[in-house]
Amino acid sequence: MTTPVLDIKDILAQLPHRYPFVLVDKVLELEPGKRILAQKNVTYNEPFFPGHFPIHPVMPGVLIMEALAQAAGVLSFNSMDAKPSDKSVFYFVGIDNCRFKRPVVPGDVLMLDVSIRKISRGIWMYEAKALVDGKVVAEADLMCTSREV
């Protein structure tokens, strides 16, 4: 078993999200300014499975994208050596080239592999892939930014 670089306590200190919307369980690899590899354990106890779908539970694609965006947020906060504050929010502002390759189901371990592609005018651009058993289940180019609230 790999020892996490960041555990759930560290993640909660870096993301404003809380249960049931924290979609990153641990960080296995982290290179500030470059890349993160995080993990989400997908269990039948997830609050979305009873409605999506009762006879064949599947993790919603938008939540896979959200999990990738949360991993990107952890990467960004570590890259800036900052933490979220009560005065700013890190918003998800865009998804390009999004593709879903196969369903994610209870029991899967979703690996979130996100790399910074570019930072321009306060917009962070990432290449993101979600994998299960080493196979890509979803991928996209993501964009996020920080804004004062």
C-alpha atoms as a PDB file:
ATOM      1  CA  MET A   1       0.000   0.000   0.000  1.00  0.00           C
ATOM      2  CA  THR A   2       1.306   3.441  -0.912  1.00  0.00           C
ATOM      3  CA  THR A   3       1.604   5.987   1.887  1.00  0.00           C
ATOM      4  CA  PRO A   4      -0.366   9.108   0.937  1.00  0.00           C
ATOM      5  CA  VAL A   5       1.433  12.392   0.438  1.00  0.00           C
ATOM      6  CA  LEU A   6      -1.729  14.096   1.735  1.00  0.00           C
ATOM      7  CA  ASP A   7      -4.409  12.370   3.788  1.00  0.00           C
ATOM      8  CA  ILE A   8      -8.036  13.411   4.183  1.00  0.00           C
ATOM      9  CA  LYS A   9      -7.213  15.879   6.995  1.00  0.00           C
ATOM     10  CA  ASP A  10      -4.700  17.632   4.736  1.00  0.00           C
ATOM     11  CA  ILE A  11      -7.197  17.667   1.864  1.00  0.00           C
ATOM     12  CA  LEU A  12      -9.947  19.169   4.048  1.00  0.00           C
ATOM     13  CA  ALA A  13      -7.493  21.901   5.069  1.00  0.00           C
ATOM     14  CA  GLN A  14      -6.968  22.758   1.389  1.00  0.00           C
ATOM     15  CA  LEU A  15     -10.458  22.421  -0.085  1.00  0.00           C
ATOM     16  CA  PRO A  16     -13.580  24.305   0.987  1.00  0.00           C
ATOM     17  CA  HIS A  17     -15.755  21.266   0.144  1.00  0.00           C
ATOM     18  CA  ARG A  18     -17.320  19.134   2.872  1.00  0.00           C
ATOM     19  CA  TYR A  19     -19.287  15.896   3.088  1.00  0.00           C
ATOM     20  CA  PRO A  20     -21.011  14.719   0.988  1.00  0.00           C
ATOM     21  CA  PHE A  21     -19.186  16.697  -1.678  1.00  0.00           C
ATOM     22  CA  VAL A  22     -15.516  15.928  -0.957  1.00  0.00           C
ATOM     23  CA  LEU A  23     -14.510  13.718  -3.890  1.00  0.00           C
ATOM     24  CA  VAL A  24     -10.794  13.253  -3.122  1.00  0.00           C
ATOM     25  CA  ASP A  25      -9.810  10.744  -0.426  1.00  0.00           C
ATOM     26  CA  LYS A  26      -6.019  10.957  -0.574  1.00  0.00           C
ATOM     27  CA  VAL A  27      -3.128  12.266  -2.635  1.00  0.00           C
ATOM     28  CA  LEU A  28      -0.488   9.737  -3.683  1.00  0.00           C
ATOM     29  CA  GLU A  29       1.835  11.971  -5.724  1.00  0.00           C
ATOM     30  CA  LEU A  30       2.242  15.735  -5.767  1.00  0.00           C
ATOM     31  CA  GLU A  31       4.650  17.927  -7.701  1.00  0.00           C
ATOM     32  CA  PRO A  32       3.677  21.560  -6.989  1.00  0.00           C
ATOM     33  CA  GLY A  33       3.496  23.539 -10.212  1.00  0.00           C
ATOM     34  CA  LYS A  34       3.253  20.332 -12.269  1.00  0.00           C
ATOM     35  CA  ARG A  35       1.103  17.328 -11.362  1.00  0.00           C
ATOM     36  CA  ILE A  36      -1.049  15.504  -8.819  1.00  0.00           C
ATOM     37  CA  LEU A  37      -2.205  11.897  -8.556  1.00  0.00           C
ATOM     38  CA  ALA A  38      -5.127  11.569  -6.154  1.00  0.00           C
ATOM     39  CA  GLN A  39      -7.556   8.819  -5.286  1.00  0.00           C
ATOM     40  CA  LYS A  40     -11.320   8.545  -4.787  1.00  0.00           C
ATOM     41  CA  ASN A  41     -12.654   5.260  -3.393  1.00  0.00           C
ATOM     42  CA  VAL A  42     -16.055   4.759  -4.975  1.00  0.00           C
ATOM     43  CA  THR A  43     -18.390   2.921  -2.592  1.00  0.00           C
ATOM     44  CA  TYR A  44     -22.017   1.884  -2.756  1.00  0.00           C
ATOM     45  CA  ASN A  45     -22.647   4.274   0.164  1.00  0.00           C
ATOM     46  CA  GLU A  46     -22.203   7.342  -2.069  1.00  0.00           C
ATOM     47  CA  PRO A  47     -25.322   9.538  -1.768  1.00  0.00           C
ATOM     48  CA  PHE A  48     -25.881   9.650  -5.548  1.00  0.00           C
ATOM     49  CA  PHE A  49     -26.099   5.897  -6.199  1.00  0.00           C
ATOM     50  CA  PRO A  50     -29.703   5.332  -4.998  1.00  0.00           C
ATOM     51  CA  GLY A  51     -30.897   7.683  -7.750  1.00  0.00           C
ATOM     52  CA  HIS A  52     -28.227   7.084 -10.446  1.00  0.00           C
ATOM     53  CA  PHE A  53     -29.324   4.354 -11.213  1.00  0.00           C
ATOM     54  CA  PRO A  54     -31.128   2.049  -8.755  1.00  0.00           C
ATOM     55  CA  ILE A  55     -30.819  -1.080 -10.921  1.00  0.00           C
ATOM     56  CA  HIS A  56     -27.282  -0.295 -12.202  1.00  0.00           C
ATOM     57  CA  PRO A  57     -25.392   2.216 -10.010  1.00  0.00           C
ATOM     58  CA  VAL A  58     -23.061   4.455 -12.051  1.00  0.00           C
ATOM     59  CA  MET A  59     -21.052   7.455 -10.810  1.00  0.00           C
ATOM     60  CA  PRO A  60     -22.349  10.538 -12.658  1.00  0.00           C
ATOM     61  CA  GLY A  61     -19.875  11.872 -15.214  1.00  0.00           C
ATOM     62  CA  VAL A  62     -20.234  15.394 -13.876  1.00  0.00           C
ATOM     63  CA  LEU A  63     -19.042  14.137 -10.477  1.00  0.00           C
ATOM     64  CA  ILE A  64     -16.015  12.487 -12.092  1.00  0.00           C
ATOM     65  CA  MET A  65     -15.230  15.913 -13.592  1.00  0.00           C
ATOM     66  CA  GLU A  66     -15.804  17.523 -10.174  1.00  0.00           C
ATOM     67  CA  ALA A  67     -13.406  15.021  -8.568  1.00  0.00           C
ATOM     68  CA  LEU A  68     -10.772  15.954 -11.168  1.00  0.00           C
ATOM     69  CA  ALA A  69     -11.419  19.660 -10.502  1.00  0.00           C
ATOM     70  CA  GLN A  70     -11.024  19.122  -6.739  1.00  0.00           C
ATOM     71  CA  ALA A  71      -7.702  17.353  -7.345  1.00  0.00           C
ATOM     72  CA  ALA A  72      -6.728  20.327  -9.542  1.00  0.00           C
ATOM     73  CA  GLY A  73      -7.666  22.645  -6.658  1.00  0.00           C
ATOM     74  CA  VAL A  74      -5.382  20.763  -4.261  1.00  0.00           C
ATOM     75  CA  LEU A  75      -2.589  20.962  -6.865  1.00  0.00           C
ATOM     76  CA  SER A  76      -3.164  24.694  -7.347  1.00  0.00           C
ATOM     77  CA  PHE A  77      -3.246  25.536  -3.628  1.00  0.00           C
ATOM     78  CA  ASN A  78      -0.021  23.564  -3.146  1.00  0.00           C
ATOM     79  CA  SER A  79       1.536  25.261  -6.171  1.00  0.00           C
ATOM     80  CA  MET A  80       0.673  28.702  -4.731  1.00  0.00           C
ATOM     81  CA  ASP A  81       1.613  27.563  -1.196  1.00  0.00           C
ATOM     82  CA  ALA A  82      -1.804  28.861  -0.104  1.00  0.00           C
ATOM     83  CA  LYS A  83      -5.022  27.647   1.459  1.00  0.00           C
ATOM     84  CA  PRO A  84      -8.599  28.661   0.709  1.00  0.00           C
ATOM     85  CA  SER A  85      -9.850  31.638   2.673  1.00  0.00           C
ATOM     86  CA  ASP A  86     -13.234  33.010   3.665  1.00  0.00           C
ATOM     87  CA  LYS A  87     -12.674  35.776   1.115  1.00  0.00           C
ATOM     88  CA  SER A  88     -11.960  33.762  -2.030  1.00  0.00           C
ATOM     89  CA  VAL A  89     -13.248  30.731  -3.911  1.00  0.00           C
ATOM     90  CA  PHE A  90     -11.512  28.585  -6.523  1.00  0.00           C
ATOM     91  CA  TYR A  91     -14.142  28.214  -9.262  1.00  0.00           C
ATOM     92  CA  PHE A  92     -14.407  25.566 -11.938  1.00  0.00           C
ATOM     93  CA  VAL A  93     -14.840  27.736 -15.096  1.00  0.00           C
ATOM     94  CA  GLY A  94     -14.571  25.405 -18.062  1.00  0.00           C
ATOM     95  CA  ILE A  95     -14.341  21.918 -19.516  1.00  0.00           C
ATOM     96  CA  ASP A  96     -13.085  21.214 -23.025  1.00  0.00           C
ATOM     97  CA  ASN A  97     -12.540  17.947 -24.879  1.00  0.00           C
ATOM     98  CA  CYS A  98     -14.454  15.950 -22.268  1.00  0.00           C
ATOM     99  CA  ARG A  99     -14.828  12.249 -23.006  1.00  0.00           C
ATOM    100  CA  PHE A 100     -16.230   9.372 -20.961  1.00  0.00           C
ATOM    101  CA  LYS A 101     -14.801   5.979 -21.851  1.00  0.00           C
ATOM    102  CA  ARG A 102     -16.579   3.607 -19.447  1.00  0.00           C
ATOM    103  CA  PRO A 103     -18.855   3.690 -16.390  1.00  0.00           C
ATOM    104  CA  VAL A 104     -17.460   4.038 -12.873  1.00  0.00           C
ATOM    105  CA  VAL A 105     -19.270   1.744 -10.439  1.00  0.00           C
ATOM    106  CA  PRO A 106     -19.209   0.915  -6.718  1.00  0.00           C
ATOM    107  CA  GLY A 107     -15.973  -0.819  -5.780  1.00  0.00           C
ATOM    108  CA  ASP A 108     -13.864   1.098  -8.301  1.00  0.00           C
ATOM    109  CA  VAL A 109     -10.808   3.046  -7.168  1.00  0.00           C
ATOM    110  CA  LEU A 110     -10.836   6.234  -9.219  1.00  0.00           C
ATOM    111  CA  MET A 111      -7.352   7.638  -9.820  1.00  0.00           C
ATOM    112  CA  LEU A 112      -7.300  11.363 -10.573  1.00  0.00           C
ATOM    113  CA  ASP A 113      -4.273  12.350 -12.669  1.00  0.00           C
ATOM    114  CA  VAL A 114      -4.104  16.107 -13.256  1.00  0.00           C
ATOM    115  CA  SER A 115      -1.280  18.178 -14.775  1.00  0.00           C
ATOM    116  CA  ILE A 116      -1.016  21.946 -15.071  1.00  0.00           C
ATOM    117  CA  ARG A 117      -0.889  22.860 -18.747  1.00  0.00           C
ATOM    118  CA  LYS A 118      -0.785  26.646 -18.437  1.00  0.00           C
ATOM    119  CA  ILE A 119      -1.612  29.581 -16.176  1.00  0.00           C
ATOM    120  CA  SER A 120      -2.719  32.748 -17.944  1.00  0.00           C
ATOM    121  CA  ARG A 121      -4.442  35.876 -16.565  1.00  0.00           C
ATOM    122  CA  GLY A 122      -5.484  34.061 -13.410  1.00  0.00           C
ATOM    123  CA  ILE A 123      -6.948  31.086 -15.317  1.00  0.00           C
ATOM    124  CA  TRP A 124      -5.397  27.715 -14.504  1.00  0.00           C
ATOM    125  CA  MET A 125      -5.584  25.165 -17.347  1.00  0.00           C
ATOM    126  CA  TYR A 126      -5.135  21.458 -16.704  1.00  0.00           C
ATOM    127  CA  GLU A 127      -4.972  18.157 -18.544  1.00  0.00           C
ATOM    128  CA  ALA A 128      -7.009  15.700 -16.493  1.00  0.00           C
ATOM    129  CA  LYS A 129      -7.589  11.961 -16.653  1.00  0.00           C
ATOM    130  CA  ALA A 130      -9.599   9.661 -14.419  1.00  0.00           C
ATOM    131  CA  LEU A 131      -8.472   6.039 -14.424  1.00  0.00           C
ATOM    132  CA  VAL A 132      -9.690   2.753 -12.978  1.00  0.00           C
ATOM    133  CA  ASP A 133      -7.307  -0.221 -12.989  1.00  0.00           C
ATOM    134  CA  GLY A 134      -4.893   1.785 -15.155  1.00  0.00           C
ATOM    135  CA  LYS A 135      -7.487   2.407 -17.874  1.00  0.00           C
ATOM    136  CA  VAL A 136      -8.797   5.875 -18.722  1.00  0.00           C
ATOM    137  CA  VAL A 137     -12.486   6.170 -17.821  1.00  0.00           C
ATOM    138  CA  ALA A 138     -12.773   9.933 -18.445  1.00  0.00           C
ATOM    139  CA  GLU A 139     -10.585  12.778 -19.634  1.00  0.00           C
ATOM    140  CA  ALA A 140     -10.876  16.509 -20.202  1.00  0.00           C
ATOM    141  CA  ASP A 141      -9.089  19.836 -20.319  1.00  0.00           C
ATOM    142  CA  LEU A 142     -10.214  21.787 -17.238  1.00  0.00           C
ATOM    143  CA  MET A 143     -10.074  25.482 -16.359  1.00  0.00           C
ATOM    144  CA  CYS A 144     -10.313  27.038 -12.891  1.00  0.00           C
ATOM    145  CA  THR A 145      -9.773  30.452 -11.345  1.00  0.00           C
ATOM    146  CA  SER A 146      -9.744  32.137  -7.959  1.00  0.00           C
ATOM    147  CA  ARG A 147     -12.213  34.926  -7.216  1.00  0.00           C
ATOM    148  CA  GLU A 148     -12.942  37.144  -4.244  1.00  0.00           C
ATOM    149  CA  VAL A 149     -16.377  36.613  -2.705  1.00  0.00           C
END
